[in-house]
Every structure is written in C-alpha cells, then in structure tokens.
C-alpha atoms as a PDB file:
ATOM      1  CA  MET A   1      29.434  14.942  20.656  1.00  0.00           C
ATOM      2  CA  SER A   2      29.079  13.920  17.546  1.00  0.00           C
ATOM      3  CA  GLU A   3      27.253  15.428  14.567  1.00  0.00           C
ATOM      4  CA  ARG A   4      24.334  14.078  12.809  1.00  0.00           C
ATOM      5  CA  ARG A   5      24.568  13.942   8.778  1.00  0.00           C
ATOM      6  CA  THR A   6      22.188  12.626   6.300  1.00  0.00           C
ATOM      7  CA  ILE A   7      22.910  12.061   2.436  1.00  0.00           C
ATOM      8  CA  GLU A   8      20.722  10.481  -0.421  1.00  0.00           C
ATOM      9  CA  VAL A   9      22.108   7.518  -2.323  1.00  0.00           C
ATOM     10  CA  ALA A  10      21.043   5.492  -5.192  1.00  0.00           C
ATOM     11  CA  ARG A  11      19.087   2.510  -4.360  1.00  0.00           C
ATOM     12  CA  THR A  12      18.095  -0.413  -6.838  1.00  0.00           C
ATOM     13  CA  ALA A  13      14.758  -1.620  -5.772  1.00  0.00           C
ATOM     14  CA  ARG A  14      12.665  -4.769  -6.843  1.00  0.00           C
ATOM     15  CA  TYR A  15       8.978  -4.933  -8.024  1.00  0.00           C
ATOM     16  CA  HIS A  16       7.019  -7.843  -9.440  1.00  0.00           C
ATOM     17  CA  VAL A  17       4.377  -7.232 -12.435  1.00  0.00           C
ATOM     18  CA  LEU A  18       1.596  -9.687 -13.282  1.00  0.00           C
ATOM     19  CA  GLY A  19       0.059  -9.165 -16.737  1.00  0.00           C
ATOM     20  CA  ALA A  20       2.853  -6.793 -18.539  1.00  0.00           C
ATOM     21  CA  GLY A  21       1.807  -8.157 -21.623  1.00  0.00           C
ATOM     22  CA  GLN A  22      -1.773  -7.021 -21.636  1.00  0.00           C
ATOM     23  CA  VAL A  23      -1.692  -4.399 -23.980  1.00  0.00           C
ATOM     24  CA  HIS A  24      -5.241  -3.668 -23.253  1.00  0.00           C
ATOM     25  CA  ALA A  25      -4.797  -3.101 -19.795  1.00  0.00           C
ATOM     26  CA  ARG A  26      -6.708   0.175 -18.172  1.00  0.00           C
ATOM     27  CA  GLU A  27      -5.742   0.048 -14.631  1.00  0.00           C
ATOM     28  CA  ALA A  28      -2.409  -0.665 -12.496  1.00  0.00           C
ATOM     29  CA  TRP A  29      -2.858  -1.973  -8.885  1.00  0.00           C
ATOM     30  CA  PHE A  30      -0.381  -1.285  -6.642  1.00  0.00           C
ATOM     31  CA  LEU A  31      -0.177  -4.116  -3.631  1.00  0.00           C
ATOM     32  CA  LEU A  32       1.815  -2.795  -0.545  1.00  0.00           C
ATOM     33  CA  HIS A  33       2.812  -6.060   1.462  1.00  0.00           C
ATOM     34  CA  GLY A  34       2.870  -5.883   4.971  1.00  0.00           C
ATOM     35  CA  TYR A  35       5.735  -6.251   7.587  1.00  0.00           C
ATOM     36  CA  GLY A  36       8.390  -8.892   6.967  1.00  0.00           C
ATOM     37  CA  GLN A  37       6.564 -10.757   3.703  1.00  0.00           C
ATOM     38  CA  LEU A  38       8.516 -10.228   0.028  1.00  0.00           C
ATOM     39  CA  ALA A  39       6.724  -9.018  -2.935  1.00  0.00           C
ATOM     40  CA  GLY A  40       6.811 -11.836  -5.072  1.00  0.00           C
ATOM     41  CA  PRO A  41       4.759 -14.179  -2.579  1.00  0.00           C
ATOM     42  CA  PHE A  42       2.985 -11.432  -1.254  1.00  0.00           C
ATOM     43  CA  LEU A  43       1.801 -10.999  -5.220  1.00  0.00           C
ATOM     44  CA  ASP A  44       1.367 -14.738  -5.124  1.00  0.00           C
ATOM     45  CA  SER A  45      -1.174 -14.757  -2.954  1.00  0.00           C
ATOM     46  CA  LEU A  46      -3.524 -11.740  -4.512  1.00  0.00           C
ATOM     47  CA  THR A  47      -3.897 -13.598  -8.027  1.00  0.00           C
ATOM     48  CA  ALA A  48      -7.839 -13.345  -7.287  1.00  0.00           C
ATOM     49  CA  LEU A  49      -7.539  -9.774  -8.216  1.00  0.00           C
ATOM     50  CA  ALA A  50      -6.026 -10.299 -11.386  1.00  0.00           C
ATOM     51  CA  ARG A  51      -8.406  -9.412 -14.538  1.00  0.00           C
ATOM     52  CA  PRO A  52      -7.748  -8.783 -18.521  1.00  0.00           C
ATOM     53  CA  GLU A  53      -7.654  -5.524 -18.347  1.00  0.00           C
ATOM     54  CA  ARG A  54      -5.506  -4.922 -14.760  1.00  0.00           C
ATOM     55  CA  LEU A  55      -2.194  -4.965 -13.894  1.00  0.00           C
ATOM     56  CA  LEU A  56      -0.665  -6.373 -10.872  1.00  0.00           C
ATOM     57  CA  VAL A  57       2.258  -4.352  -9.237  1.00  0.00           C
ATOM     58  CA  ALA A  58       3.706  -5.347  -6.098  1.00  0.00           C
ATOM     59  CA  PRO A  59       6.896  -3.146  -5.296  1.00  0.00           C
ATOM     60  CA  GLU A  60       9.230  -4.731  -1.974  1.00  0.00           C
ATOM     61  CA  ALA A  61       9.828  -2.515   1.106  1.00  0.00           C
ATOM     62  CA  LEU A  62      13.578  -1.108   0.494  1.00  0.00           C
ATOM     63  CA  ALA A  63      14.671  -2.446   3.646  1.00  0.00           C
ATOM     64  CA  ARG A  64      15.283  -6.564   3.956  1.00  0.00           C
ATOM     65  CA  PHE A  65      16.234  -8.459   7.125  1.00  0.00           C
ATOM     66  CA  TYR A  66      16.515 -12.016   8.236  1.00  0.00           C
ATOM     67  CA  LEU A  67      13.900 -12.808   9.531  1.00  0.00           C
ATOM     68  CA  ARG A  68      15.238 -15.406  12.571  1.00  0.00           C
ATOM     69  CA  ARG A  69      18.576 -14.311  14.301  1.00  0.00           C
ATOM     70  CA  GLY A  70      20.757 -13.529  10.618  1.00  0.00           C
ATOM     71  CA  THR A  71      20.029 -16.661   9.007  1.00  0.00           C
ATOM     72  CA  GLY A  72      17.043 -18.446   6.831  1.00  0.00           C
ATOM     73  CA  GLU A  73      14.183 -16.519   5.519  1.00  0.00           C
ATOM     74  CA  ILE A  74      14.093 -13.230   4.225  1.00  0.00           C
ATOM     75  CA  GLY A  75      11.442 -10.243   5.215  1.00  0.00           C
ATOM     76  CA  ALA A  76      11.207  -6.465   4.563  1.00  0.00           C
ATOM     77  CA  SER A  77       9.712  -3.628   5.818  1.00  0.00           C
ATOM     78  CA  TRP A  78       8.626   0.031   4.683  1.00  0.00           C
ATOM     79  CA  MET A  79       9.782   2.030   7.476  1.00  0.00           C
ATOM     80  CA  THR A  80      10.823   1.871  11.290  1.00  0.00           C
ATOM     81  CA  LYS A  81      10.701   4.683  14.150  1.00  0.00           C
ATOM     82  CA  GLU A  82      14.287   5.593  13.381  1.00  0.00           C
ATOM     83  CA  GLU A  83      14.470   8.651  10.498  1.00  0.00           C
ATOM     84  CA  ARG A  84      10.971   8.121  10.171  1.00  0.00           C
ATOM     85  CA  ALA A  85      10.672  11.583   8.512  1.00  0.00           C
ATOM     86  CA  SER A  86      13.416  10.373   5.816  1.00  0.00           C
ATOM     87  CA  GLU A  87      11.859   6.832   5.110  1.00  0.00           C
ATOM     88  CA  ILE A  88       8.431   8.066   4.622  1.00  0.00           C
ATOM     89  CA  HIS A  89       9.897  10.489   1.502  1.00  0.00           C
ATOM     90  CA  ASP A  90      12.033   7.647   0.178  1.00  0.00           C
ATOM     91  CA  ASN A  91       8.697   5.168   0.014  1.00  0.00           C
ATOM     92  CA  VAL A  92       6.859   8.154  -1.636  1.00  0.00           C
ATOM     93  CA  ARG A  93       9.708   9.036  -4.227  1.00  0.00           C
ATOM     94  CA  TYR A  94       9.974   5.367  -4.724  1.00  0.00           C
ATOM     95  CA  LEU A  95       6.613   4.168  -5.846  1.00  0.00           C
ATOM     96  CA  GLU A  96       6.514   7.376  -7.895  1.00  0.00           C
ATOM     97  CA  ARG A  97       9.183   6.170  -9.670  1.00  0.00           C
ATOM     98  CA  VAL A  98       7.831   2.507 -10.197  1.00  0.00           C
ATOM     99  CA  ALA A  99       3.888   4.355 -11.111  1.00  0.00           C
ATOM    100  CA  GLN A 100       6.023   6.769 -13.864  1.00  0.00           C
ATOM    101  CA  GLN A 101       8.161   3.927 -15.404  1.00  0.00           C
ATOM    102  CA  LEU A 102       4.713   2.112 -15.662  1.00  0.00           C
ATOM    103  CA  CYS A 103       2.664   4.338 -17.573  1.00  0.00           C
ATOM    104  CA  ALA A 104       5.618   4.972 -19.878  1.00  0.00           C
ATOM    105  CA  GLU A 105       5.980   1.333 -20.371  1.00  0.00           C
ATOM    106  CA  HIS A 106       2.412   1.221 -21.020  1.00  0.00           C
ATOM    107  CA  GLY A 107       2.294   4.012 -23.519  1.00  0.00           C
ATOM    108  CA  ALA A 108      -1.428   4.869 -22.368  1.00  0.00           C
ATOM    109  CA  PRO A 109      -2.689   6.312 -19.258  1.00  0.00           C
ATOM    110  CA  LEU A 110      -3.793   3.762 -16.484  1.00  0.00           C
ATOM    111  CA  GLU A 111      -6.029   4.307 -13.225  1.00  0.00           C
ATOM    112  CA  LEU A 112      -4.338   3.557 -10.667  1.00  0.00           C
ATOM    113  CA  GLN A 113      -5.104   2.300  -7.453  1.00  0.00           C
ATOM    114  CA  ALA A 114      -3.385   0.963  -3.886  1.00  0.00           C
ATOM    115  CA  PHE A 115      -3.815  -2.042  -1.821  1.00  0.00           C
ATOM    116  CA  GLY A 116      -1.949  -2.276   1.211  1.00  0.00           C
ATOM    117  CA  PHE A 117      -1.829  -4.871   3.904  1.00  0.00           C
ATOM    118  CA  SER A 118      -1.142  -4.317   7.681  1.00  0.00           C
ATOM    119  CA  GLN A 119       1.915  -2.136   7.391  1.00  0.00           C
ATOM    120  CA  GLY A 120       1.945  -1.974   3.681  1.00  0.00           C
ATOM    121  CA  GLY A 121      -1.373  -0.113   3.857  1.00  0.00           C
ATOM    122  CA  ALA A 122      -0.137   3.049   5.768  1.00  0.00           C
ATOM    123  CA  THR A 123       2.664   3.449   3.241  1.00  0.00           C
ATOM    124  CA  ALA A 124      -0.430   3.079   0.344  1.00  0.00           C
ATOM    125  CA  ALA A 125      -2.381   6.040   2.271  1.00  0.00           C
ATOM    126  CA  ARG A 126       0.696   7.966   2.716  1.00  0.00           C
ATOM    127  CA  TRP A 127       1.852   7.630  -0.878  1.00  0.00           C
ATOM    128  CA  ALA A 128      -1.845   8.603  -1.654  1.00  0.00           C
ATOM    129  CA  LEU A 129      -1.878  12.374  -0.013  1.00  0.00           C
ATOM    130  CA  LEU A 130       1.748  12.949  -0.424  1.00  0.00           C
ATOM    131  CA  GLY A 131       2.924  11.790  -3.589  1.00  0.00           C
ATOM    132  CA  SER A 132       2.239  13.421  -7.159  1.00  0.00           C
ATOM    133  CA  THR A 133       0.131  10.788  -8.558  1.00  0.00           C
ATOM    134  CA  PRO A 134      -3.387  10.142  -8.267  1.00  0.00           C
ATOM    135  CA  LEU A 135      -4.744   7.288  -6.957  1.00  0.00           C
ATOM    136  CA  THR A 136      -8.681   6.213  -7.729  1.00  0.00           C
ATOM    137  CA  ARG A 137      -8.797   3.955  -4.446  1.00  0.00           C
ATOM    138  CA  VAL A 138      -7.099   3.139  -2.096  1.00  0.00           C
ATOM    139  CA  THR A 139      -7.690   0.342   0.113  1.00  0.00           C
ATOM    140  CA  LEU A 140      -6.102  -0.631   3.506  1.00  0.00           C
ATOM    141  CA  TRP A 141      -6.272  -4.263   4.878  1.00  0.00           C
ATOM    142  CA  GLY A 142      -5.625  -4.650   8.341  1.00  0.00           C
ATOM    143  CA  CYS A 143      -4.380  -1.193   8.969  1.00  0.00           C
ATOM    144  CA  PRO A 144      -5.453   1.910  10.790  1.00  0.00           C
ATOM    145  CA  PHE A 145      -5.284   5.427   8.804  1.00  0.00           C
ATOM    146  CA  PRO A 146      -2.038   6.672   9.775  1.00  0.00           C
ATOM    147  CA  PRO A 147      -2.593   8.757  13.304  1.00  0.00           C
ATOM    148  CA  ASP A 148       0.019  11.241  12.217  1.00  0.00           C
ATOM    149  CA  LEU A 149      -0.644  11.882   8.219  1.00  0.00           C
ATOM    150  CA  GLU A 150      -2.531  15.100   8.528  1.00  0.00           C
ATOM    151  CA  LEU A 151      -5.449  15.621   6.068  1.00  0.00           C
ATOM    152  CA  GLU A 152      -6.707  19.241   6.608  1.00  0.00           C
ATOM    153  CA  PRO A 153      -3.516  19.830   3.771  1.00  0.00           C
ATOM    154  CA  GLN A 154      -4.964  17.342   1.740  1.00  0.00           C
ATOM    155  CA  ARG A 155      -8.443  17.599   2.212  1.00  0.00           C
ATOM    156  CA  GLU A 156      -9.447  17.740  -1.797  1.00  0.00           C
ATOM    157  CA  ARG A 157      -6.919  14.922  -2.505  1.00  0.00           C
ATOM    158  CA  ALA A 158      -8.403  12.773   0.186  1.00  0.00           C
ATOM    159  CA  ARG A 159     -11.909  13.695  -0.524  1.00  0.00           C
ATOM    160  CA  SER A 160     -11.320  12.756  -4.347  1.00  0.00           C
ATOM    161  CA  THR A 161     -10.304   9.125  -3.240  1.00  0.00           C
ATOM    162  CA  ARG A 162     -12.028   6.271  -2.566  1.00  0.00           C
ATOM    163  CA  TRP A 163     -11.145   4.823   0.570  1.00  0.00           C
ATOM    164  CA  THR A 164     -11.700   0.736   1.679  1.00  0.00           C
ATOM    165  CA  PHE A 165     -10.951  -0.208   5.186  1.00  0.00           C
ATOM    166  CA  VAL A 166     -10.921  -4.448   5.431  1.00  0.00           C
ATOM    167  CA  LEU A 167     -10.595  -6.240   8.859  1.00  0.00           C
ATOM    168  CA  GLY A 168     -11.252  -9.275  10.409  1.00  0.00           C
ATOM    169  CA  ASP A 169     -13.613  -9.684  13.360  1.00  0.00           C
ATOM    170  CA  GLY A 170     -10.756 -11.736  15.018  1.00  0.00           C
ATOM    171  CA  ASP A 171      -7.799  -9.396  14.112  1.00  0.00           C
ATOM    172  CA  THR A 172      -5.698  -8.888  17.564  1.00  0.00           C
ATOM    173  CA  ALA A 173      -3.019  -7.404  15.335  1.00  0.00           C
ATOM    174  CA  ILE A 174      -4.622  -3.875  15.180  1.00  0.00           C
ATOM    175  CA  ASP A 175      -5.650  -1.341  17.476  1.00  0.00           C
ATOM    176  CA  ARG A 176      -9.358  -1.011  17.250  1.00  0.00           C
ATOM    177  CA  ALA A 177      -9.235   2.410  18.981  1.00  0.00           C
ATOM    178  CA  ALA A 178      -6.989   3.814  16.241  1.00  0.00           C
ATOM    179  CA  TRP A 179      -8.296   2.302  13.536  1.00  0.00           C
ATOM    180  CA  GLU A 180     -12.264   3.682  14.311  1.00  0.00           C
ATOM    181  CA  GLN A 181     -10.355   7.333  14.746  1.00  0.00           C
ATOM    182  CA  GLY A 182      -8.875   6.707  11.225  1.00  0.00           C
ATOM    183  CA  LEU A 183     -12.214   6.161   9.830  1.00  0.00           C
ATOM    184  CA  GLY A 184     -13.375   9.565  12.052  1.00  0.00           C
ATOM    185  CA  ARG A 185     -10.751  11.767  10.610  1.00  0.00           C
ATOM    186  CA  LEU A 186     -11.597  10.880   7.346  1.00  0.00           C
ATOM    187  CA  ARG A 187     -15.114  11.469   7.586  1.00  0.00           C
ATOM    188  CA  ALA A 188     -14.376  14.648   9.157  1.00  0.00           C
ATOM    189  CA  THR A 189     -12.622  16.172   5.846  1.00  0.00           C
ATOM    190  CA  GLY A 190     -15.976  14.676   4.158  1.00  0.00           C
ATOM    191  CA  CYS A 191     -14.997  11.397   2.863  1.00  0.00           C
ATOM    192  CA  GLN A 192     -17.036   8.129   3.349  1.00  0.00           C
ATOM    193  CA  PRO A 193     -14.929   5.454   3.798  1.00  0.00           C
ATOM    194  CA  GLU A 194     -16.221   1.960   2.716  1.00  0.00           C
ATOM    195  CA  VAL A 195     -15.697  -0.601   5.731  1.00  0.00           C
ATOM    196  CA  ARG A 196     -15.902  -4.150   5.000  1.00  0.00           C
ATOM    197  CA  ARG A 197     -15.735  -7.245   7.697  1.00  0.00           C
ATOM    198  CA  PHE A 198     -14.480 -10.776   7.355  1.00  0.00           C
ATOM    199  CA  PRO A 199     -14.896 -13.537   9.782  1.00  0.00           C
ATOM    200  CA  GLY A 200     -10.881 -13.821  10.534  1.00  0.00           C
ATOM    201  CA  GLY A 201      -7.954 -12.497  11.602  1.00  0.00           C
ATOM    202  CA  HIS A 202      -5.146 -10.527  10.284  1.00  0.00           C
ATOM    203  CA  GLU A 203      -4.870 -12.406   7.200  1.00  0.00           C
ATOM    204  CA  LEU A 204      -6.301 -11.915   3.825  1.00  0.00           C
ATOM    205  CA  ASP A 205      -9.420 -13.638   2.856  1.00  0.00           C
ATOM    206  CA  ALA A 206     -10.493 -15.249  -0.285  1.00  0.00           C
ATOM    207  CA  ALA A 207     -14.147 -13.912  -0.521  1.00  0.00           C
ATOM    208  CA  THR A 208     -13.298 -10.665   0.392  1.00  0.00           C
ATOM    209  CA  LEU A 209     -10.655 -10.521  -2.492  1.00  0.00           C
ATOM    210  CA  ARG A 210     -12.920 -11.702  -4.868  1.00  0.00           C
ATOM    211  CA  ASP A 211     -15.613  -9.449  -3.750  1.00  0.00           C
ATOM    212  CA  LEU A 212     -13.007  -6.233  -3.995  1.00  0.00           C
ATOM    213  CA  SER A 213     -11.803  -7.354  -7.305  1.00  0.00           C
ATOM    214  CA  GLY A 214     -15.266  -6.474  -9.024  1.00  0.00           C
ATOM    215  CA  PRO A 215     -16.506  -9.191 -12.166  1.00  0.00           C
ATOM    216  CA  GLY A 216     -14.178 -11.287 -13.599  1.00  0.00           C
END
C-alpha cells in the first residue's frame, strides 16, 4: 500500500498591477479572478475601479490548465477538492507575499481591500480571515461565503471587515440557499454585510462596478 507524502516547493507566481507608478496611492485593491480565467484579462475588465489614489492588483491562481482538451485557451484555478487544505494554505501564503512585496515597494502603508469574482470570492474570504494582512473590505461577487470557513475563531476579525456581496438576479451558477446561509452566518457573528443586486447573470456589471468604486 502506498504512503501519502507532501513536500513544500518554491513556485513562481504571476500577478498584474495597474497604477504601480502612482506614488500618492493610499490603497490597493486585490482582484481575484474566477475559475478558468487569467489575471491579465480579468484586470482589463475591471479598469472602471481605477482611481489616482488606488492600485489595482490581480494575482493569478497557481494552477493553470488548458480549457479545451489540452490545447488552445488557458485558464487558472484557485483550488480543487484534492489536497484542499494545502491549497488553501498555499493561496493565503501567496497573497500574503504579494501584499508584503507591494507595501514594501510602495514605501508607505496601504489600505488593502479584496474583490473576488466567483471562485476568487471564496479565496478572498479565506485570505481575509486566515491571513495576517488586515483587509478593510472584502467584496464577494457571484459567490457565497465559504461554508467550511469557521467564523467563531475569527469573530473579531470578521466584524472588523466590511463585507459586500454582489449577485445578479439571473445568476444560475450560484447556489442561492448557500448564498443566503453565508449571509446569515456573518450576521450571526455581528457583521452587517452589504448586499447589492443587478439585473444580470454570472458576470460583472459595469454600473455596479462604478458604484462600488466610489467617486472618481
């Protein structure tokens, strides 16, 4: 019978930054893409969030793959059900490293926020509660709060974070019951998650993005 073993290895990860030359930036938004997407095109779709005082940072998930039968377009995934705990740990550590490097390069404290679409939303929520980097706001778009993410050990941290949930009225990719249950769990800890809806599906919405971004 085989013996299961694991080993930690160094990885080279890719991330994209918009506004890196803005010396007066006060905040950085981490934009986490959905399943099968890549960081560069995802960031390109979110330039409505750009502001002179804001950096936009799009880390790419560590597992890239061919979207169709081994050829053609490539996408990336944050995790699968295999080695789940290890992948969550690796993702949190990866995002922590990017945040540390970005703040060190900037030379001044930055207010950090996370925005996750679909699968990226679950990763954003886990980073917010399992990492050491304080995030002032976490936006989960088209994604429920992860049902396996324990809130009680991180109650105070959850309550100090501003949570925003965005859902299209016609989104058929999301489990509505799980979405409502996640909101209920957060409310039970004393959080007051903000909920935004729009007339669309499992997709980004330009008007809602502009609203989330604030005055420009």
